[in-house]
Protein backbone atom coordinates (compact mmCIF):
# COMPACT_ATOMS: atom_id res chain seq x y z
CA MET A 1 11.91 -42.05 -7.60
CA PRO A 2 9.39 -42.46 -10.51
CA ALA A 3 9.84 -39.88 -13.51
CA GLU A 4 6.68 -37.34 -13.73
CA PRO A 5 4.25 -39.01 -15.85
CA LEU A 6 2.12 -35.96 -16.40
CA ALA A 7 3.64 -33.28 -18.82
CA PRO A 8 6.77 -32.66 -19.58
CA PRO A 9 9.44 -30.39 -17.76
CA THR A 10 8.49 -27.56 -19.63
CA ARG A 11 7.76 -24.06 -17.94
CA ARG A 12 4.87 -22.02 -17.84
CA HIS A 13 5.51 -18.90 -19.31
CA ASP A 14 1.92 -17.85 -19.43
CA LEU A 15 2.05 -18.10 -15.13
CA ASP A 16 5.50 -16.25 -15.14
CA TRP A 17 4.09 -13.42 -17.00
CA ILE A 18 0.56 -13.85 -14.89
CA ARG A 19 3.11 -13.71 -11.39
CA VAL A 20 5.04 -10.34 -12.34
CA GLY A 21 1.72 -8.75 -13.79
CA ALA A 22 -0.10 -9.67 -10.67
CA PHE A 23 3.06 -7.95 -8.47
CA MET A 24 3.04 -5.40 -10.46
CA LEU A 25 -0.59 -4.78 -9.91
CA LEU A 26 -0.83 -4.66 -6.49
CA ILE A 27 1.62 -1.83 -6.50
CA LEU A 28 -0.52 0.20 -7.89
CA TYR A 29 -3.38 -0.90 -5.59
CA HIS A 30 -1.19 0.14 -3.00
CA VAL A 31 -0.54 3.77 -4.19
CA GLY A 32 -4.41 4.01 -4.53
CA MET A 33 -5.17 2.40 -0.66
CA PHE A 34 -3.84 6.29 -0.16
CA TYR A 35 -6.00 8.16 -1.69
CA VAL A 36 -9.32 6.13 -0.95
CA PRO A 37 -11.11 6.81 2.30
CA TRP A 38 -10.47 3.31 3.90
CA ASP A 39 -7.97 3.25 6.74
CA TRP A 40 -4.43 2.27 6.02
CA HIS A 41 -0.74 3.06 7.44
CA VAL A 42 -0.74 6.23 5.85
CA ASN A 43 -4.19 8.12 4.02
CA SER A 44 -4.35 10.93 1.84
CA PRO A 45 -6.03 14.50 3.38
CA ARG A 46 -7.68 14.79 -0.30
CA PRO A 47 -9.44 11.41 -0.52
CA VAL A 48 -11.06 10.14 -3.55
CA GLU A 49 -14.46 8.30 -3.04
CA ALA A 50 -14.86 7.75 -7.06
CA LEU A 51 -11.51 5.59 -6.59
CA GLU A 52 -13.27 2.90 -4.80
CA PRO A 53 -15.27 1.21 -7.43
CA VAL A 54 -11.60 0.81 -9.22
CA MET A 55 -10.21 -0.61 -6.57
CA GLN A 56 -13.39 -3.27 -6.65
CA LEU A 57 -11.98 -3.95 -9.51
CA THR A 58 -9.04 -6.50 -8.53
CA SER A 59 -9.50 -6.52 -4.75
CA PRO A 60 -11.23 -10.27 -4.21
CA TRP A 61 -8.98 -12.30 -6.09
CA ARG A 62 -5.23 -10.12 -6.73
CA LEU A 63 -4.11 -12.02 -3.58
CA THR A 64 -6.23 -15.38 -4.69
CA LEU A 65 -4.30 -15.26 -8.23
CA LEU A 66 -0.76 -14.48 -6.68
CA PHE A 67 -1.28 -18.02 -3.97
CA LEU A 68 -2.47 -20.33 -7.14
CA VAL A 69 0.59 -18.97 -9.39
CA SER A 70 3.04 -19.51 -6.04
CA GLY A 71 1.96 -22.58 -5.65
CA ALA A 72 2.33 -23.87 -9.80
CA ALA A 73 5.82 -21.97 -9.11
CA THR A 74 6.73 -24.69 -6.28
CA ARG A 75 5.12 -27.45 -8.46
CA PHE A 76 8.02 -27.02 -10.68
CA LEU A 77 11.19 -25.84 -7.66
CA PHE A 78 9.71 -29.35 -5.92
CA ASP A 79 9.98 -31.12 -9.37
CA GLY A 80 13.28 -29.68 -9.75
CA PHE A 81 14.63 -31.50 -6.45
CA ALA A 82 12.43 -34.61 -7.02
CA ARG A 83 14.64 -35.36 -10.33
CA GLN A 84 18.00 -35.11 -8.03
CA GLY A 85 16.88 -38.13 -6.15
CA GLU A 86 15.68 -39.84 -2.58
CA GLY A 87 15.04 -36.35 -0.08
CA GLY A 88 13.48 -34.17 -3.04
CA ALA A 89 10.76 -32.92 -0.05
CA ARG A 90 13.76 -31.98 2.34
CA ARG A 91 15.84 -30.11 0.29
CA PHE A 92 12.31 -28.61 -1.02
CA ALA A 93 11.82 -27.47 2.82
CA GLY A 94 15.49 -26.10 2.89
CA SER A 95 15.12 -24.01 -0.10
CA ARG A 96 12.29 -22.34 1.39
CA LEU A 97 13.60 -21.57 4.65
CA LEU A 98 16.22 -20.16 2.22
CA ARG A 99 14.19 -18.64 0.08
CA LEU A 100 11.56 -16.64 2.80
CA ALA A 101 12.82 -16.47 6.05
CA PRO A 102 16.03 -13.93 5.37
CA PRO A 103 13.82 -11.13 4.10
CA LEU A 104 10.60 -11.97 6.52
CA LEU A 105 12.90 -11.40 9.33
CA PHE A 106 14.52 -8.32 7.37
CA ALA A 107 11.91 -6.78 6.48
CA MET A 108 10.08 -7.53 9.74
CA PHE A 109 12.77 -5.45 11.65
CA VAL A 110 14.48 -2.93 8.80
CA ILE A 111 11.97 -2.37 6.00
CA VAL A 112 8.45 -2.09 7.32
CA PRO A 113 9.49 -0.24 10.77
CA PRO A 114 9.08 3.35 8.42
CA GLN A 115 5.14 2.15 7.81
CA THR A 116 4.40 2.01 11.16
CA TYR A 117 6.42 5.49 11.96
CA TYR A 118 4.41 7.30 9.45
CA GLU A 119 1.27 5.21 10.59
CA VAL A 120 2.09 7.11 14.21
CA VAL A 121 3.14 10.04 12.96
CA GLU A 122 -0.27 10.72 11.45
CA ALA A 123 -2.59 8.96 14.26
CA ALA A 124 -0.69 11.31 16.58
CA ARG A 125 -1.30 14.58 14.35
CA GLY A 126 -5.02 13.21 14.65
CA LEU A 127 -5.15 13.38 18.07
CA GLY A 128 -3.56 16.98 18.47
CA VAL A 129 -0.08 16.51 18.70
CA ALA A 130 1.53 19.15 16.32
CA ASP A 131 5.10 17.95 16.29
CA PRO A 132 4.59 14.03 16.87
CA ALA A 133 8.54 13.86 15.35
CA HIS A 134 9.99 15.44 18.33
CA SER A 135 7.29 14.22 20.62
CA PRO A 136 7.68 11.15 23.70
CA TRP A 137 5.43 8.54 21.01
CA LEU A 138 8.17 8.18 18.80
CA THR A 139 11.57 8.95 20.93
CA ASP A 140 13.71 5.73 20.91
CA PHE A 141 10.95 4.44 17.75
CA TRP A 142 13.59 1.73 16.96
CA VAL A 143 13.78 0.28 20.23
CA LYS A 144 10.24 0.60 21.08
CA TYR A 145 8.78 -1.23 18.04
CA ALA A 146 11.54 -3.77 18.39
CA THR A 147 10.79 -4.80 21.70
CA ALA A 148 6.63 -3.84 21.39
CA SER A 149 6.63 -1.24 23.94
CA GLY A 150 5.70 1.16 21.94
CA GLY A 151 2.39 1.44 23.24
CA TRP A 152 0.53 3.25 20.75
CA CYS A 153 -2.98 3.16 21.00
CA ASP A 154 -6.25 5.21 20.18
CA ALA A 155 -9.70 4.47 19.75
CA ASP A 156 -9.40 1.67 17.19
CA GLY A 157 -7.20 0.08 19.05
CA CYS A 158 -2.99 -0.52 19.67
CA LEU A 159 0.09 -1.50 17.05
CA ILE A 160 1.63 -4.27 17.43
CA THR A 161 5.36 -4.70 16.66
CA PRO A 162 7.20 -5.66 15.45
CA THR A 163 4.98 -6.59 12.31
CA TRP A 164 5.19 -7.40 9.01
CA ASN A 165 2.48 -5.99 7.41
CA HIS A 166 2.06 -6.32 3.98
CA MET A 167 4.70 -9.23 4.25
CA TRP A 168 2.64 -11.22 5.30
CA PHE A 169 1.85 -12.66 2.20
CA VAL A 170 5.29 -14.11 2.63
CA ALA A 171 5.00 -15.20 6.41
CA TYR A 172 2.25 -17.38 5.13
CA LEU A 173 3.89 -18.83 1.67
CA LEU A 174 6.78 -20.12 4.14
CA ALA A 175 4.38 -21.62 6.55
CA TYR A 176 2.27 -23.24 3.46
CA SER A 177 5.33 -24.66 1.52
CA LEU A 178 6.31 -26.17 4.48
CA ILE A 179 3.58 -27.99 5.31
CA LEU A 180 3.51 -29.27 2.27
CA ALA A 181 6.97 -30.54 2.63
CA GLY A 182 5.80 -32.15 4.96
CA LEU A 183 2.97 -34.07 2.98
CA LEU A 184 5.54 -34.62 0.12
CA ALA A 185 7.99 -36.17 2.43
CA ALA A 186 5.16 -39.28 2.95
CA GLY A 187 6.08 -39.53 -1.28
CA ARG A 188 4.79 -37.53 -4.19
CA ARG A 189 2.69 -40.94 -6.15
CA PHE A 190 -0.47 -39.05 -4.74
CA LEU A 191 0.06 -36.06 -7.44
CA THR A 192 -0.91 -38.13 -10.28
CA PRO A 193 -3.99 -39.17 -9.37
CA ILE A 194 -4.93 -35.86 -7.44
CA GLN A 195 -4.29 -34.00 -10.48
CA ALA A 196 -6.10 -36.72 -12.93
CA GLY A 197 -8.98 -36.65 -10.41
CA LEU A 198 -8.74 -32.63 -10.78
CA GLU A 199 -9.23 -32.59 -14.42
CA ARG A 200 -12.37 -35.31 -14.42
CA VAL A 201 -14.25 -33.31 -11.90
CA LEU A 202 -13.22 -29.88 -13.60
CA LYS A 203 -14.11 -30.80 -16.61
CA GLY A 204 -15.93 -28.52 -19.31
CA TRP A 205 -18.01 -26.28 -17.15
CA GLY A 206 -17.11 -27.47 -13.51
CA LEU A 207 -13.29 -25.64 -13.84
CA LEU A 208 -15.68 -22.28 -13.35
CA VAL A 209 -18.70 -23.94 -11.44
CA TRP A 210 -17.03 -25.84 -8.73
CA PRO A 211 -14.26 -23.88 -7.26
CA ILE A 212 -16.83 -20.96 -7.18
CA VAL A 213 -19.37 -23.26 -5.14
CA TRP A 214 -15.98 -24.07 -2.79
CA LEU A 215 -14.87 -19.95 -2.42
CA ALA A 216 -18.42 -19.24 -1.61
CA LEU A 217 -19.31 -22.28 0.90
CA ILE A 218 -15.76 -20.99 2.75
CA ARG A 219 -17.19 -17.70 2.20
CA LEU A 220 -20.89 -17.63 4.16
CA ALA A 221 -19.26 -20.35 6.62
CA LEU A 222 -16.03 -18.87 7.73
CA ALA A 223 -15.81 -15.07 6.58
CA PRO A 224 -18.59 -14.01 9.39
CA ILE A 225 -16.72 -15.50 12.23
CA PHE A 226 -13.10 -15.44 11.26
CA PRO A 227 -12.83 -12.16 9.30
CA VAL A 228 -8.81 -11.65 7.82
CA THR A 229 -6.32 -10.67 10.15
CA HIS A 230 -2.73 -11.76 8.48
CA ALA A 231 -1.50 -12.41 12.01
CA LEU A 232 -1.52 -16.24 11.09
CA VAL A 233 -3.22 -18.22 14.14
CA ASP A 234 -6.59 -17.20 13.98
CA ASP A 235 -6.61 -16.34 10.13
CA TRP A 236 -9.21 -19.16 9.10
CA TYR A 237 -10.76 -18.08 6.71
CA ASN A 238 -8.04 -16.69 5.55
CA HIS A 239 -5.95 -20.51 5.13
CA ALA A 240 -8.97 -21.69 4.18
CA LEU A 241 -8.99 -19.84 0.96
CA SER A 242 -5.29 -19.23 0.57
CA PHE A 243 -4.00 -22.10 1.51
CA SER A 244 -6.51 -24.19 -0.84
CA VAL A 245 -5.57 -22.36 -3.81
CA PHE A 246 -2.16 -22.40 -2.87
CA LEU A 247 -2.57 -26.53 -3.67
CA PHE A 248 -4.71 -26.33 -6.19
CA GLY A 249 -1.89 -24.16 -8.22
CA PHE A 250 0.45 -27.18 -6.83
CA ALA A 251 -1.51 -29.82 -7.68
CA SER A 252 -2.37 -28.18 -11.32
CA ALA A 253 0.63 -26.54 -12.23
CA ARG A 254 1.36 -29.15 -15.42
CA SER A 255 -1.81 -30.23 -16.33
CA GLU A 256 -2.07 -29.09 -20.42
CA ALA A 257 -5.83 -29.87 -19.66
CA LEU A 258 -6.71 -27.83 -17.19
CA LYS A 259 -4.83 -24.90 -18.88
CA ALA A 260 -6.74 -25.53 -22.59
CA GLY A 261 -9.66 -25.32 -20.01
CA TYR A 262 -8.95 -22.07 -19.17
CA GLU A 263 -8.33 -20.86 -22.59
CA ARG A 264 -11.37 -22.20 -24.24
CA LEU A 265 -13.62 -20.72 -20.64
CA ARG A 266 -11.78 -17.05 -20.74
CA ARG A 267 -14.23 -14.99 -22.49
CA PRO A 268 -17.71 -16.31 -20.66
CA ALA A 269 -15.49 -16.40 -17.53
CA LEU A 270 -14.37 -12.44 -18.40
CA ILE A 271 -18.05 -11.49 -19.10
CA LEU A 272 -19.34 -13.10 -15.84
CA ALA A 273 -16.24 -11.51 -13.69
CA LEU A 274 -17.21 -8.11 -14.80
CA VAL A 275 -20.92 -8.79 -14.44
CA ALA A 276 -20.11 -9.63 -10.54
CA TRP A 277 -17.79 -7.10 -9.82
CA ALA A 278 -20.34 -4.42 -11.10
CA GLY A 279 -23.15 -6.45 -8.61
CA TRP A 280 -20.24 -5.98 -5.70
CA ALA A 281 -19.03 -2.50 -6.44
CA ALA A 282 -22.55 -1.02 -6.21
CA TYR A 283 -23.27 -3.02 -3.06
CA ALA A 284 -19.71 -1.76 -1.55
CA TRP A 285 -20.44 1.57 -2.76
CA THR A 286 -24.01 1.61 -1.85
CA TRP A 287 -23.52 1.00 2.08
CA ARG A 288 -19.52 2.50 2.63
CA ALA A 289 -20.36 4.22 5.45
CA GLU A 290 -19.24 2.89 8.45
CA ASP A 291 -22.32 2.54 10.21
CA ALA A 292 -24.04 0.84 7.46
CA VAL A 293 -25.39 -2.45 8.48
CA PRO A 294 -26.76 -4.40 5.13
CA PRO A 295 -29.32 -6.58 5.62
CA GLU A 296 -28.40 -10.77 6.73
CA ALA A 297 -29.86 -11.77 3.04
CA LEU A 298 -28.37 -8.94 1.25
CA GLN A 299 -24.92 -9.70 2.71
CA ALA A 300 -25.21 -13.52 2.21
CA ALA A 301 -25.81 -13.18 -1.18
CA MET A 302 -23.06 -10.88 -1.84
CA ARG A 303 -20.68 -13.54 -0.55
CA LEU A 304 -22.22 -15.73 -3.96
CA VAL A 305 -21.45 -12.42 -6.10
CA TYR A 306 -18.24 -12.08 -4.51
CA ALA A 307 -16.95 -15.65 -4.28
CA VAL A 308 -18.28 -16.04 -8.16
CA ASP A 309 -15.70 -12.12 -9.05
CA GLN A 310 -13.23 -13.96 -7.23
CA TRP A 311 -13.07 -17.17 -8.97
CA ALA A 312 -14.11 -15.96 -12.97
CA PHE A 313 -11.56 -12.92 -12.97
CA ILE A 314 -8.96 -16.02 -12.13
CA VAL A 315 -10.20 -17.86 -14.61
CA ALA A 316 -10.56 -15.63 -17.31
CA VAL A 317 -6.84 -14.04 -16.36
CA LEU A 318 -5.22 -17.58 -16.25
CA GLY A 319 -7.44 -18.42 -20.07
CA TYR A 320 -5.82 -15.25 -21.14
CA GLY A 321 -2.49 -16.00 -20.20
CA ALA A 322 -2.38 -19.59 -22.10
CA ARG A 323 -3.99 -18.08 -24.65
CA TYR A 324 -1.02 -14.66 -25.51
CA LEU A 325 1.68 -15.27 -23.09
CA ASN A 326 3.24 -17.80 -24.13
CA ARG A 327 6.77 -16.69 -24.78
CA GLY A 328 9.48 -15.90 -22.87
CA GLY A 329 12.95 -13.78 -23.24
CA PRO A 330 15.09 -11.40 -21.11
CA VAL A 331 12.43 -9.29 -20.12
CA LEU A 332 10.75 -11.83 -18.59
CA ARG A 333 13.70 -13.81 -17.02
CA TYR A 334 14.55 -10.13 -15.57
CA LEU A 335 11.45 -9.72 -13.89
CA THR A 336 10.89 -13.26 -12.55
CA VAL A 337 13.64 -12.63 -10.32
CA GLY A 338 12.61 -8.64 -9.63
CA VAL A 339 9.34 -9.04 -8.80
CA PHE A 340 9.83 -10.72 -5.50
CA PRO A 341 12.57 -7.78 -4.53
CA PHE A 342 9.41 -5.16 -5.66
CA TYR A 343 7.04 -6.84 -3.34
CA ILE A 344 9.35 -6.35 -0.36
CA MET A 345 10.49 -2.84 -1.27
CA HIS A 346 7.51 -1.23 -3.07
CA GLN A 347 4.61 -0.35 0.28
CA THR A 348 7.36 1.29 2.74
CA ILE A 349 8.55 3.23 -0.64
CA THR A 350 4.68 3.72 -1.34
CA VAL A 351 4.11 4.76 2.93
CA VAL A 352 7.29 6.93 3.02
CA THR A 353 6.82 9.09 -0.08
CA ALA A 354 3.58 9.54 -0.05
CA HIS A 355 4.00 11.44 3.45
CA HIS A 356 6.13 13.76 2.61
CA LEU A 357 3.94 14.36 -0.99
CA ALA A 358 1.23 15.69 0.85
CA PRO A 359 1.97 18.13 2.48
CA LEU A 360 2.77 19.98 -1.25
CA GLY A 361 -0.41 20.32 -2.04
CA LEU A 362 0.42 19.05 -6.31
CA PRO A 363 -3.02 18.79 -8.26
CA LEU A 364 -3.88 15.05 -7.85
CA LEU A 365 -2.80 13.69 -10.87
CA LEU A 366 0.62 14.27 -10.38
CA GLU A 367 1.04 13.82 -6.86
CA ALA A 368 -0.33 10.25 -8.09
CA GLY A 369 2.32 10.24 -11.13
CA LEU A 370 5.00 10.91 -9.02
CA LEU A 371 4.08 8.85 -6.53
CA ILE A 372 4.28 5.58 -8.95
CA ALA A 373 6.85 6.47 -10.16
CA ALA A 374 9.29 7.19 -6.93
CA THR A 375 7.75 3.36 -5.60
CA PHE A 376 8.51 1.72 -9.37
CA LEU A 377 11.78 3.23 -9.49
CA GLY A 378 12.88 2.61 -5.94
CA CYS A 379 11.37 -0.95 -6.37
CA PHE A 380 14.45 -1.36 -9.46
CA ALA A 381 17.52 -0.12 -7.81
CA THR A 382 16.57 -1.53 -4.71
CA TYR A 383 16.71 -5.13 -7.22
CA GLU A 384 19.66 -3.61 -8.92
CA ALA A 385 21.57 -3.64 -5.53
CA ALA A 386 20.45 -6.81 -4.48
CA ARG A 387 21.62 -8.59 -7.65
CA ARG A 388 25.81 -7.52 -6.49
CA LEU A 389 25.12 -7.72 -2.92
CA GLY A 390 26.58 -11.22 -3.14
CA TRP A 391 24.59 -13.19 -0.74
CA LEU A 392 23.28 -10.42 1.38
CA GLY A 393 20.86 -10.13 -1.87
CA LEU A 394 18.71 -13.07 0.39
CA LEU A 395 17.90 -10.26 2.68
CA LEU A 396 15.90 -8.24 -0.50
CA GLY A 397 15.03 -11.61 -1.97
CA VAL A 398 17.80 -11.92 -4.88
CA ARG A 399 19.84 -15.04 -4.59
CA PRO A 400 23.10 -14.98 -6.00
CA GLN A 401 23.72 -16.71 -9.36
CA PRO A 402 26.74 -18.36 -10.16
CA ARG A 403 28.61 -16.48 -13.29
CA ALA A 404 28.96 -19.58 -15.68
CA ARG A 405 25.16 -19.41 -14.78
CA ARG A 406 24.59 -15.93 -15.37
CA ALA A 407 26.51 -15.68 -18.30
CA ARG A 408 24.41 -18.86 -20.51
CA ARG A 409 21.78 -16.84 -19.72
CA LEU A 410 19.31 -19.59 -18.57
CA GLU A 411 16.06 -19.38 -17.10
CA PRO A 412 15.87 -19.02 -13.56
CA LEU A 413 14.35 -21.28 -11.73
CA ALA A 414 11.24 -21.19 -9.68
CA ALA A 415 13.75 -21.04 -6.77
CA GLU A 416 14.28 -17.75 -8.01
CA ARG A 417 10.42 -17.31 -6.88
């Protein structure tokens, strides 16, 4: 196996910090989902419409950024296996299965069901059921959930169970990783010309322009036909978006030229991103009514604005990260491993806590503060528990570390992502 010729085997602390920040931002976003008047698992009886533009600030790009940095993390992980000799792609695939499949399955049958439970409770109340918890709707709930026999339907459709809800990201990441492993099994010599080609095409302003063109094309061509479902089998626009940026993150992770390009473009990208956000948020606000139908020409124009918003914010985040987030340390080492169990648990904690806080009628700011605090405390508690469970910690996203390695306080491998 030839040595990696493109860059020395150094860590990208900036990408570690960005990944941690993106997951933390996702927790806050899901707390916000309780308060905006958008359909979610549970909704506040006191929705705050004015929060919608704030939510739109990150909605177009946060998950795209996560797939990109996950692709970059996957590159460092694969390179570690490749340096061990032949069979690197096979070992990489086995590592991804071990790290992602157990928490996905555990979450679907243990962690996610409370989200469905309280979604059914609130839907039943909306239909006039006085005590849903003791009604036939929820008798033998888990059995009905696990066997897809709940019959939980209303005018908007039926709940399909078992489900992965927020864990769709992990399911997609696993699928993309296994597809990538199949490609890598044919050899990794193509990585060198691909990175070199990206550096040529994305030189200068191309780093800002050409990805926007790609994002706009797939949004114009695929989004109207294939709305996002998170169902894996029919989610073609989402795959075109998420898999492409995952592969881009994998191919470009070791490029010092692209890293320098992000840093150079960070200020104009941020300005462009804020302008695009203002346009997109104004559009979403103006046409927010359920029966609102924007003109087709305006919809097409806003798909372009959405693509500008997506990539310009990502370039700004990666650029400022490259400029200011190049140091590691114990906090980063702790959080780099911790964000996966945070992700696994956070939405269930938010849904359950929000459902029980709402009837108390607390002032909104106090209620929201308690909900955020409870979610983060629950996530930290989950992580600390998972670190002490040995191999069972895999169910919550933490692989046990040998004692000698922990004592040396080495940097966590990308496999801990």
